[in-house]
Amino acid sequence: MMDEARSLSEARALLSRKSEISVIVCDCDALPGAWIAILDDLLDMPAPPSLILTSRLADDRLWAEALNLGAWDVLAKPLDRSETLRSVKYAWDHWRHHAKVAREPLMVMSAAS
């Protein structure tokens, strides 16, 4: 299932009412700077969605900033179908693994004395 948000407030509303969002694709050109706010909101989630950014200006600076802040990937527009599918699949796999780990009970082991 896919939902769409046309503003930062709509995106935040979706994040607050949907419990399992796996991947977010954010158009940096349509919502300049919103991706940083969304990424900041994701930090408080136990199994945050993977964030993929798209931009006409997907240069090394944006790529480095995005990945250093915790985004999953940056895709250049116009989007390449196979590259987009690959990125979304890997982002979903990453989220699925971390969501599974977040649901598992924590096991604590102590060393024998």
C-alpha atoms as a PDB file:
ATOM      1  CA  MET A   1       0.000   0.000   0.000  1.00  0.00           C
ATOM      2  CA  MET A   2       1.215   3.490  -0.783  1.00  0.00           C
ATOM      3  CA  ASP A   3       0.222   6.772   0.851  1.00  0.00           C
ATOM      4  CA  GLU A   4       1.080  10.266  -0.337  1.00  0.00           C
ATOM      5  CA  ALA A   5       1.758  13.421   1.655  1.00  0.00           C
ATOM      6  CA  ARG A   6       2.020  16.795  -0.050  1.00  0.00           C
ATOM      7  CA  SER A   7       3.404  18.709   2.931  1.00  0.00           C
ATOM      8  CA  LEU A   8       5.538  18.157   6.000  1.00  0.00           C
ATOM      9  CA  SER A   9       2.457  18.310   8.233  1.00  0.00           C
ATOM     10  CA  GLU A  10       0.701  15.634   6.129  1.00  0.00           C
ATOM     11  CA  ALA A  11       3.814  13.436   6.312  1.00  0.00           C
ATOM     12  CA  ARG A  12       3.980  13.832  10.080  1.00  0.00           C
ATOM     13  CA  ALA A  13       0.276  12.984  10.371  1.00  0.00           C
ATOM     14  CA  LEU A  14       0.815   9.786   8.358  1.00  0.00           C
ATOM     15  CA  LEU A  15       3.791   8.825  10.508  1.00  0.00           C
ATOM     16  CA  SER A  16       1.804   9.348  13.695  1.00  0.00           C
ATOM     17  CA  ARG A  17      -1.199   7.234  12.691  1.00  0.00           C
ATOM     18  CA  LYS A  18       0.435   4.457  10.638  1.00  0.00           C
ATOM     19  CA  SER A  19       2.333   1.959  12.747  1.00  0.00           C
ATOM     20  CA  GLU A  20       4.355   0.217  10.066  1.00  0.00           C
ATOM     21  CA  ILE A  21       5.624   2.471   7.332  1.00  0.00           C
ATOM     22  CA  SER A  22       8.604   0.747   5.770  1.00  0.00           C
ATOM     23  CA  VAL A  23       9.971   3.157   3.155  1.00  0.00           C
ATOM     24  CA  ILE A  24       9.539   6.886   2.624  1.00  0.00           C
ATOM     25  CA  VAL A  25      10.419   8.482  -0.705  1.00  0.00           C
ATOM     26  CA  CYS A  26      10.840  12.227  -0.331  1.00  0.00           C
ATOM     27  CA  ASP A  27      11.119  14.613  -3.270  1.00  0.00           C
ATOM     28  CA  CYS A  28      13.696  17.211  -2.186  1.00  0.00           C
ATOM     29  CA  ASP A  29      12.638  19.553  -4.990  1.00  0.00           C
ATOM     30  CA  ALA A  30       8.950  19.634  -3.967  1.00  0.00           C
ATOM     31  CA  LEU A  31       9.586  19.990  -0.224  1.00  0.00           C
ATOM     32  CA  PRO A  32      12.984  21.676   0.235  1.00  0.00           C
ATOM     33  CA  GLY A  33      14.441  20.949   3.667  1.00  0.00           C
ATOM     34  CA  ALA A  34      11.492  18.783   4.711  1.00  0.00           C
ATOM     35  CA  TRP A  35      13.561  15.621   4.460  1.00  0.00           C
ATOM     36  CA  ILE A  36      15.783  16.765   7.345  1.00  0.00           C
ATOM     37  CA  ALA A  37      12.722  17.369   9.539  1.00  0.00           C
ATOM     38  CA  ILE A  38      11.257  13.986   8.567  1.00  0.00           C
ATOM     39  CA  LEU A  39      14.558  12.243   9.263  1.00  0.00           C
ATOM     40  CA  ASP A  40      14.690  13.945  12.662  1.00  0.00           C
ATOM     41  CA  ASP A  41      11.158  12.674  13.418  1.00  0.00           C
ATOM     42  CA  LEU A  42      12.200   9.135  12.488  1.00  0.00           C
ATOM     43  CA  LEU A  43      14.942   9.028  15.130  1.00  0.00           C
ATOM     44  CA  ASP A  44      12.369   8.502  17.894  1.00  0.00           C
ATOM     45  CA  MET A  45      10.766   5.489  16.237  1.00  0.00           C
ATOM     46  CA  PRO A  46      11.717   1.938  17.329  1.00  0.00           C
ATOM     47  CA  ALA A  47      11.759   0.687  13.706  1.00  0.00           C
ATOM     48  CA  PRO A  48      11.967   3.830  11.570  1.00  0.00           C
ATOM     49  CA  PRO A  49      11.182   3.697   7.853  1.00  0.00           C
ATOM     50  CA  SER A  50      14.083   3.842   5.420  1.00  0.00           C
ATOM     51  CA  LEU A  51      14.206   7.302   3.805  1.00  0.00           C
ATOM     52  CA  ILE A  52      15.004   7.624   0.089  1.00  0.00           C
ATOM     53  CA  LEU A  53      15.482  11.107  -1.343  1.00  0.00           C
ATOM     54  CA  THR A  54      14.914  12.152  -4.941  1.00  0.00           C
ATOM     55  CA  SER A  55      16.236  15.330  -6.525  1.00  0.00           C
ATOM     56  CA  ARG A  56      17.105  16.871  -9.867  1.00  0.00           C
ATOM     57  CA  LEU A  57      20.282  18.067  -8.118  1.00  0.00           C
ATOM     58  CA  ALA A  58      21.366  14.739  -6.629  1.00  0.00           C
ATOM     59  CA  ASP A  59      25.026  15.684  -6.388  1.00  0.00           C
ATOM     60  CA  ASP A  60      27.802  14.425  -4.121  1.00  0.00           C
ATOM     61  CA  ARG A  61      27.055  17.108  -1.501  1.00  0.00           C
ATOM     62  CA  LEU A  62      23.404  16.052  -1.093  1.00  0.00           C
ATOM     63  CA  TRP A  63      24.328  12.382  -1.180  1.00  0.00           C
ATOM     64  CA  ALA A  64      27.009  12.801   1.523  1.00  0.00           C
ATOM     65  CA  GLU A  65      24.772  14.974   3.737  1.00  0.00           C
ATOM     66  CA  ALA A  66      21.801  12.642   3.402  1.00  0.00           C
ATOM     67  CA  LEU A  67      23.719   9.456   4.161  1.00  0.00           C
ATOM     68  CA  ASN A  68      25.605  11.054   7.057  1.00  0.00           C
ATOM     69  CA  LEU A  69      22.289  12.119   8.610  1.00  0.00           C
ATOM     70  CA  GLY A  70      20.787   8.649   8.194  1.00  0.00           C
ATOM     71  CA  ALA A  71      18.917   8.588   4.880  1.00  0.00           C
ATOM     72  CA  TRP A  72      18.968   5.290   3.012  1.00  0.00           C
ATOM     73  CA  ASP A  73      19.655   6.519  -0.538  1.00  0.00           C
ATOM     74  CA  VAL A  74      19.548   9.480  -2.907  1.00  0.00           C
ATOM     75  CA  LEU A  75      18.166   9.021  -6.419  1.00  0.00           C
ATOM     76  CA  ALA A  76      18.615  11.448  -9.304  1.00  0.00           C
ATOM     77  CA  LYS A  77      15.568  12.608 -11.274  1.00  0.00           C
ATOM     78  CA  PRO A  78      14.378  11.685 -13.751  1.00  0.00           C
ATOM     79  CA  LEU A  79      14.189   8.357 -11.979  1.00  0.00           C
ATOM     80  CA  ASP A  80      15.592   5.235 -13.563  1.00  0.00           C
ATOM     81  CA  ARG A  81      13.065   2.417 -13.124  1.00  0.00           C
ATOM     82  CA  SER A  82      15.521  -0.363 -12.283  1.00  0.00           C
ATOM     83  CA  GLU A  83      17.592   1.821  -9.944  1.00  0.00           C
ATOM     84  CA  THR A  84      14.440   2.983  -8.139  1.00  0.00           C
ATOM     85  CA  LEU A  85      13.109  -0.555  -7.730  1.00  0.00           C
ATOM     86  CA  ARG A  86      16.499  -1.758  -6.462  1.00  0.00           C
ATOM     87  CA  SER A  87      16.741   1.074  -3.935  1.00  0.00           C
ATOM     88  CA  VAL A  88      13.189   0.593  -2.639  1.00  0.00           C
ATOM     89  CA  LYS A  89      13.680  -3.178  -2.366  1.00  0.00           C
ATOM     90  CA  TYR A  90      16.908  -2.839  -0.381  1.00  0.00           C
ATOM     91  CA  ALA A  91      15.393  -0.095   1.781  1.00  0.00           C
ATOM     92  CA  TRP A  92      12.416  -2.353   2.521  1.00  0.00           C
ATOM     93  CA  ASP A  93      14.685  -5.318   3.306  1.00  0.00           C
ATOM     94  CA  HIS A  94      16.713  -3.108   5.664  1.00  0.00           C
ATOM     95  CA  TRP A  95      13.559  -1.862   7.407  1.00  0.00           C
ATOM     96  CA  ARG A  96      12.106  -5.388   7.659  1.00  0.00           C
ATOM     97  CA  HIS A  97      15.274  -6.673   9.334  1.00  0.00           C
ATOM     98  CA  HIS A  98      15.371  -3.800  11.835  1.00  0.00           C
ATOM     99  CA  ALA A  99      11.622  -4.038  12.545  1.00  0.00           C
ATOM    100  CA  LYS A 100      12.038  -7.752  13.302  1.00  0.00           C
ATOM    101  CA  VAL A 101      14.958  -7.047  15.643  1.00  0.00           C
ATOM    102  CA  ALA A 102      12.982  -4.265  17.374  1.00  0.00           C
ATOM    103  CA  ARG A 103      10.110  -6.706  18.083  1.00  0.00           C
ATOM    104  CA  GLU A 104      12.308  -9.476  19.472  1.00  0.00           C
ATOM    105  CA  PRO A 105      12.770  -9.600  23.247  1.00  0.00           C
ATOM    106  CA  LEU A 106      16.166  -8.540  24.486  1.00  0.00           C
ATOM    107  CA  MET A 107      18.208 -11.400  25.838  1.00  0.00           C
ATOM    108  CA  VAL A 108      20.726 -10.603  28.545  1.00  0.00           C
ATOM    109  CA  MET A 109      23.486 -13.038  29.333  1.00  0.00           C
ATOM    110  CA  SER A 110      25.888 -12.795  32.222  1.00  0.00           C
ATOM    111  CA  ALA A 111      29.365 -14.226  32.320  1.00  0.00           C
ATOM    112  CA  ALA A 112      30.054 -17.203  34.549  1.00  0.00           C
ATOM    113  CA  SER A 113      32.201 -16.353  37.520  1.00  0.00           C
END
